[in-house]
């Protein structure tokens, strides 16, 4: 048939020219925080956010050699939700938050869904975005901290015999909500013992 595997393409995200220096500086800053505040591995958490597409398609298909246009199922699928996983430096996997496009809890998975009870037992938070997207917002980030991040730190401090004033380290990416003065002021006012640091932009 004259077919060959063809891959859909898009422009790659560009990293800064001085990416090595940026990452080295970030590493040194993090090391200083860990040393100066005596933060053990169980109190160092990294949180990320990832898009989960409901119908995940593939970017590769079979087509005629030298084809300029290649159609694949699911390539233009836009329906998705945001999953927010967190893991501590000691290997602990924290409960996850899942953000769904919608105004009310009915936008989230039904309690009758398969394995719903298992997810809840693990501590998963299903939350509606209350916006026109499924992205993290000020409200969902505060929900994440109040119900997942801070309780985890508090539990670990007790296990380690550390006082409530012990500092923790929370590493997140440079999403606009994360870096906003509104969110950082809220963190300082409500969770002052959690030190927030950022993964440099365009470096992951």
Protein backbone atom coordinates (compact mmCIF):
# COMPACT_ATOMS: atom_id res chain seq x y z
CA UNK A 1 0.00 0.00 0.00
CA UNK A 2 2.96 2.31 0.26
CA UNK A 3 2.16 3.23 3.89
CA UNK A 4 4.61 4.27 6.59
CA UNK A 5 4.17 5.47 10.17
CA UNK A 6 3.67 9.24 10.26
CA UNK A 7 3.69 11.39 13.38
CA UNK A 8 1.72 14.55 13.99
CA UNK A 9 4.05 17.43 14.88
CA UNK A 10 3.97 20.70 16.80
CA UNK A 11 6.50 23.28 17.89
CA UNK A 12 8.51 22.21 20.90
CA UNK A 13 8.56 24.35 24.01
CA UNK A 14 11.78 26.31 24.10
CA UNK A 15 13.95 26.24 27.20
CA UNK A 16 15.99 29.31 28.19
CA UNK A 17 19.49 29.53 26.75
CA UNK A 18 20.94 29.58 30.28
CA UNK A 19 18.80 26.70 31.51
CA UNK A 20 21.74 24.99 33.24
CA UNK A 21 22.50 28.09 35.30
CA UNK A 22 18.82 28.62 36.13
CA UNK A 23 18.46 25.05 37.39
CA UNK A 24 21.72 25.24 39.33
CA UNK A 25 20.57 28.45 41.06
CA UNK A 26 17.20 26.86 41.86
CA UNK A 27 18.93 23.79 43.30
CA UNK A 28 21.17 25.91 45.51
CA UNK A 29 18.25 27.99 46.77
CA UNK A 30 16.30 24.86 47.64
CA UNK A 31 19.33 23.34 49.38
CA UNK A 32 19.77 26.49 51.45
CA UNK A 33 16.12 26.44 52.55
CA UNK A 34 16.36 22.77 53.53
CA UNK A 35 19.57 23.40 55.49
CA UNK A 36 18.57 26.69 57.14
CA UNK A 37 15.15 25.46 58.28
CA UNK A 38 16.13 21.85 58.98
CA UNK A 39 13.41 20.36 56.78
CA UNK A 40 13.35 16.52 56.66
CA UNK A 41 12.45 14.66 53.49
CA UNK A 42 8.91 13.82 54.68
CA UNK A 43 8.18 17.56 54.90
CA UNK A 44 9.28 18.36 51.37
CA UNK A 45 6.49 18.00 48.81
CA UNK A 46 6.41 18.58 45.07
CA UNK A 47 3.03 19.20 43.42
CA UNK A 48 2.29 19.19 39.70
CA UNK A 49 -0.76 19.61 37.51
CA UNK A 50 -1.50 17.59 34.41
CA UNK A 51 -4.28 17.51 31.84
CA UNK A 52 -6.13 14.20 31.57
CA UNK A 53 -7.99 13.84 28.26
CA UNK A 54 -11.11 11.69 28.49
CA UNK A 55 -10.53 10.01 25.12
CA UNK A 56 -6.81 9.84 24.69
CA UNK A 57 -5.90 9.60 21.02
CA UNK A 58 -2.59 8.83 19.39
CA UNK A 59 -0.39 11.15 17.39
CA UNK A 60 0.76 8.36 15.09
CA UNK A 61 -1.14 6.50 12.37
CA UNK A 62 -0.62 4.77 9.05
CA UNK A 63 -0.80 6.79 5.87
CA UNK A 64 0.68 7.07 2.40
CA UNK A 65 4.38 7.89 2.25
CA UNK A 66 5.07 11.63 2.03
CA UNK A 67 1.53 12.45 3.23
CA UNK A 68 1.17 16.07 4.30
CA UNK A 69 -2.07 15.64 6.26
CA UNK A 70 -2.61 12.68 8.58
CA UNK A 71 -5.91 12.22 10.43
CA UNK A 72 -5.94 10.39 13.76
CA UNK A 73 -8.81 9.57 16.11
CA UNK A 74 -8.91 11.73 19.22
CA UNK A 75 -6.31 14.24 17.98
CA UNK A 76 -8.74 17.13 18.43
CA UNK A 77 -10.32 15.81 21.64
CA UNK A 78 -10.65 18.76 24.03
CA UNK A 79 -12.69 17.33 26.92
CA UNK A 80 -10.44 16.83 29.89
CA UNK A 81 -9.89 17.51 33.58
CA UNK A 82 -6.90 18.58 35.66
CA UNK A 83 -5.25 16.07 37.97
CA UNK A 84 -3.09 17.48 40.77
CA UNK A 85 -0.67 14.86 42.15
CA UNK A 86 1.78 15.49 44.99
CA UNK A 87 4.69 13.42 46.27
CA UNK A 88 7.06 13.89 49.19
CA UNK A 89 10.83 13.49 49.02
CA UNK A 90 10.59 10.38 51.20
CA UNK A 91 8.38 8.69 48.58
CA UNK A 92 4.97 9.31 50.18
CA UNK A 93 2.23 9.74 47.59
CA UNK A 94 -0.32 12.27 48.80
CA UNK A 95 -4.03 12.15 47.95
CA UNK A 96 -4.82 13.76 44.61
CA UNK A 97 -7.12 16.58 43.63
CA UNK A 98 -9.11 16.37 40.39
CA UNK A 99 -10.63 19.55 38.92
CA UNK A 100 -13.60 19.32 36.55
CA UNK A 101 -15.13 21.94 34.30
CA UNK A 102 -18.42 22.98 35.84
CA UNK A 103 -20.16 25.09 38.43
CA UNK A 104 -21.39 22.46 40.91
CA UNK A 105 -20.34 19.05 42.30
CA UNK A 106 -22.59 17.40 39.70
CA UNK A 107 -19.79 18.16 37.20
CA UNK A 108 -17.59 15.72 39.12
CA UNK A 109 -17.74 11.91 39.02
CA UNK A 110 -20.91 10.40 40.41
CA UNK A 111 -20.70 8.61 43.76
CA UNK A 112 -22.12 5.64 41.85
CA UNK A 113 -19.09 5.52 39.54
CA UNK A 114 -16.91 2.38 39.65
CA UNK A 115 -14.16 2.64 42.28
CA UNK A 116 -15.49 5.99 43.52
CA UNK A 117 -15.42 4.78 47.13
CA UNK A 118 -11.82 3.61 46.69
CA UNK A 119 -10.81 7.05 45.45
CA UNK A 120 -12.51 8.78 48.36
CA UNK A 121 -10.93 6.36 50.81
CA UNK A 122 -7.51 7.32 49.41
CA UNK A 123 -8.38 10.97 50.07
CA UNK A 124 -9.01 12.10 46.49
CA UNK A 125 -10.69 15.49 46.20
CA UNK A 126 -13.15 15.90 43.31
CA UNK A 127 -13.84 19.62 42.88
CA UNK A 128 -15.65 21.71 40.23
CA UNK A 129 -13.69 24.58 38.76
CA UNK A 130 -16.65 26.99 38.94
CA UNK A 131 -15.19 28.63 35.84
CA UNK A 132 -15.30 28.08 32.07
CA UNK A 133 -12.21 25.85 32.18
CA UNK A 134 -10.93 22.93 34.23
CA UNK A 135 -7.76 24.72 35.30
CA UNK A 136 -6.63 25.44 38.83
CA UNK A 137 -7.96 28.63 40.40
CA UNK A 138 -7.45 30.51 43.64
CA UNK A 139 -10.30 28.51 45.16
CA UNK A 140 -9.11 25.08 44.02
CA UNK A 141 -5.55 25.82 45.17
CA UNK A 142 -6.79 26.82 48.60
CA UNK A 143 -8.86 23.64 48.70
CA UNK A 144 -5.73 21.65 47.83
CA UNK A 145 -3.70 23.22 50.61
CA UNK A 146 -6.43 23.09 53.27
CA UNK A 147 -7.48 19.48 52.62
CA UNK A 148 -4.36 17.74 51.29
CA UNK A 149 -1.03 19.59 51.66
CA UNK A 150 -1.36 21.09 55.15
CA UNK A 151 -2.99 18.00 56.74
CA UNK A 152 -0.20 15.83 55.35
CA UNK A 153 2.47 18.10 56.82
CA UNK A 154 0.68 18.20 60.18
CA UNK A 155 0.43 14.40 60.29
CA UNK A 156 4.10 13.96 59.43
CA UNK A 157 5.21 16.45 62.08
CA UNK A 158 3.39 14.41 64.70
CA UNK A 159 4.93 11.17 63.43
CA UNK A 160 8.41 12.70 63.52
CA UNK A 161 7.92 14.26 66.95
CA UNK A 162 8.28 17.79 65.57
CA UNK A 163 6.45 20.85 66.84
CA UNK A 164 3.69 22.64 64.92
CA UNK A 165 6.08 25.52 64.17
CA UNK A 166 8.38 23.25 62.15
CA UNK A 167 8.69 24.56 58.59
CA UNK A 168 7.76 22.50 55.54
CA UNK A 169 8.75 22.98 51.91
CA UNK A 170 6.26 22.97 49.05
CA UNK A 171 7.56 23.08 45.48
CA UNK A 172 5.13 24.05 42.70
CA UNK A 173 5.39 25.32 39.15
CA UNK A 174 5.13 28.87 37.83
CA UNK A 175 1.43 28.84 36.99
CA UNK A 176 0.04 32.39 37.21
CA UNK A 177 -2.31 31.50 40.07
CA UNK A 178 0.56 30.01 42.08
CA UNK A 179 2.76 33.08 41.73
CA UNK A 180 -0.02 35.60 42.26
CA UNK A 181 0.25 37.97 45.19
CA UNK A 182 -3.27 36.97 46.20
CA UNK A 183 -2.35 33.31 46.64
CA UNK A 184 1.04 33.91 48.26
CA UNK A 185 -0.47 36.40 50.73
CA UNK A 186 -3.16 33.83 51.57
CA UNK A 187 -0.49 31.18 52.15
CA UNK A 188 1.48 33.50 54.43
CA UNK A 189 -1.62 34.40 56.43
CA UNK A 190 -3.04 30.88 56.76
CA UNK A 191 -0.09 28.48 56.38
CA UNK A 192 2.91 30.53 57.38
CA UNK A 193 5.06 27.49 58.17
CA UNK A 194 4.85 26.19 54.60
CA UNK A 195 7.68 27.66 52.53
CA UNK A 196 6.70 27.90 48.85
CA UNK A 197 9.37 27.62 46.16
CA UNK A 198 8.94 27.47 42.41
CA UNK A 199 10.24 25.27 39.64
CA UNK A 200 11.76 27.67 37.06
CA UNK A 201 9.50 28.30 34.10
CA UNK A 202 10.03 26.42 30.82
CA UNK A 203 12.63 24.17 32.46
CA UNK A 204 10.65 20.93 32.80
